[in-house]
Amino acid sequence: MTGRRERKQVLLRLDPVVYEALARWAGDELRSANSQIEFLLRRALADAGRLPTAPAPLPRRGRPPKRPPTEPEA
């Protein structure tokens, strides 16, 4: 394993109007609705003093970085 924690899947039911507002907000910040929910939950946990001491970092936005080409071994 590469040290990354497995992400939990959660079913969340939202009012359609709330979801649309969330999706618009996420789009404004170039996030998916799922990432926006996680961002907001982490911020709420931190504000309440309940964020765990070592949560995994949020995944970076955008494309993954390009890896430099590997050189063939001689």
Protein backbone atom coordinates (compact mmCIF):
# COMPACT_ATOMS: atom_id res chain seq x y z
CA MET A 1 0.00 0.00 0.00
CA THR A 2 1.27 3.53 -0.74
CA GLY A 3 0.28 4.97 2.63
CA ARG A 4 -2.96 6.48 1.37
CA ARG A 5 -6.06 5.83 3.39
CA GLU A 6 -9.10 4.34 1.75
CA ARG A 7 -11.84 6.93 1.36
CA LYS A 8 -15.22 6.17 2.87
CA GLN A 9 -18.36 6.25 0.75
CA VAL A 10 -21.45 7.82 2.28
CA LEU A 11 -24.95 8.06 0.87
CA LEU A 12 -26.25 11.58 1.40
CA ARG A 13 -29.78 12.70 0.66
CA LEU A 14 -30.19 16.42 0.00
CA ASP A 15 -33.07 18.64 -0.96
CA PRO A 16 -32.67 19.31 -4.71
CA VAL A 17 -32.57 23.08 -4.16
CA VAL A 18 -29.80 22.70 -1.57
CA TYR A 19 -27.86 20.43 -3.92
CA GLU A 20 -28.16 22.89 -6.82
CA ALA A 21 -26.88 25.74 -4.63
CA LEU A 22 -24.01 23.54 -3.45
CA ALA A 23 -23.17 22.48 -7.01
CA ARG A 24 -23.11 26.13 -8.17
CA TRP A 25 -20.84 27.08 -5.25
CA ALA A 26 -18.56 24.13 -6.01
CA GLY A 27 -18.38 25.15 -9.67
CA ASP A 28 -17.42 28.69 -8.70
CA GLU A 29 -14.48 27.26 -6.72
CA LEU A 30 -13.57 24.68 -9.39
CA ARG A 31 -14.49 21.74 -7.16
CA SER A 32 -16.89 18.85 -7.56
CA ALA A 33 -19.98 18.83 -5.34
CA ASN A 34 -18.43 15.94 -3.41
CA SER A 35 -15.20 17.86 -2.81
CA GLN A 36 -17.16 20.93 -1.75
CA ILE A 37 -19.10 18.90 0.82
CA GLU A 38 -15.87 17.48 2.25
CA PHE A 39 -14.26 20.94 2.30
CA LEU A 40 -17.22 22.41 4.18
CA LEU A 41 -17.38 19.52 6.63
CA ARG A 42 -13.67 19.83 7.42
CA ARG A 43 -14.03 23.58 7.94
CA ALA A 44 -17.03 23.08 10.24
CA LEU A 45 -15.14 20.43 12.22
CA ALA A 46 -12.11 22.72 12.57
CA ASP A 47 -14.30 25.66 13.68
CA ALA A 48 -15.93 23.44 16.31
CA GLY A 49 -12.55 22.13 17.50
CA ARG A 50 -13.47 18.60 16.44
CA LEU A 51 -11.19 18.05 13.45
CA PRO A 52 -8.98 14.98 14.07
CA THR A 53 -5.31 15.79 14.62
CA ALA A 54 -4.08 13.97 11.53
CA PRO A 55 -6.75 13.82 8.81
CA ALA A 56 -5.54 12.92 5.35
CA PRO A 57 -5.04 16.02 3.21
CA LEU A 58 -7.74 16.98 0.75
CA PRO A 59 -7.00 15.74 -2.75
CA ARG A 60 -5.50 18.46 -4.94
CA ARG A 61 -7.73 20.14 -7.48
CA GLY A 62 -7.14 19.83 -11.21
CA ARG A 63 -5.10 17.39 -13.20
CA PRO A 64 -2.49 15.27 -11.50
CA PRO A 65 1.08 16.49 -12.08
CA LYS A 66 2.88 15.05 -15.07
CA ARG A 67 5.61 12.62 -14.17
CA PRO A 68 8.96 13.23 -15.83
CA PRO A 69 9.83 10.54 -18.36
CA THR A 70 11.81 7.73 -16.83
CA GLU A 71 15.20 7.03 -18.33
CA PRO A 72 15.84 3.50 -19.56
CA GLU A 73 18.39 1.54 -17.56
CA ALA A 74 21.61 0.71 -19.39
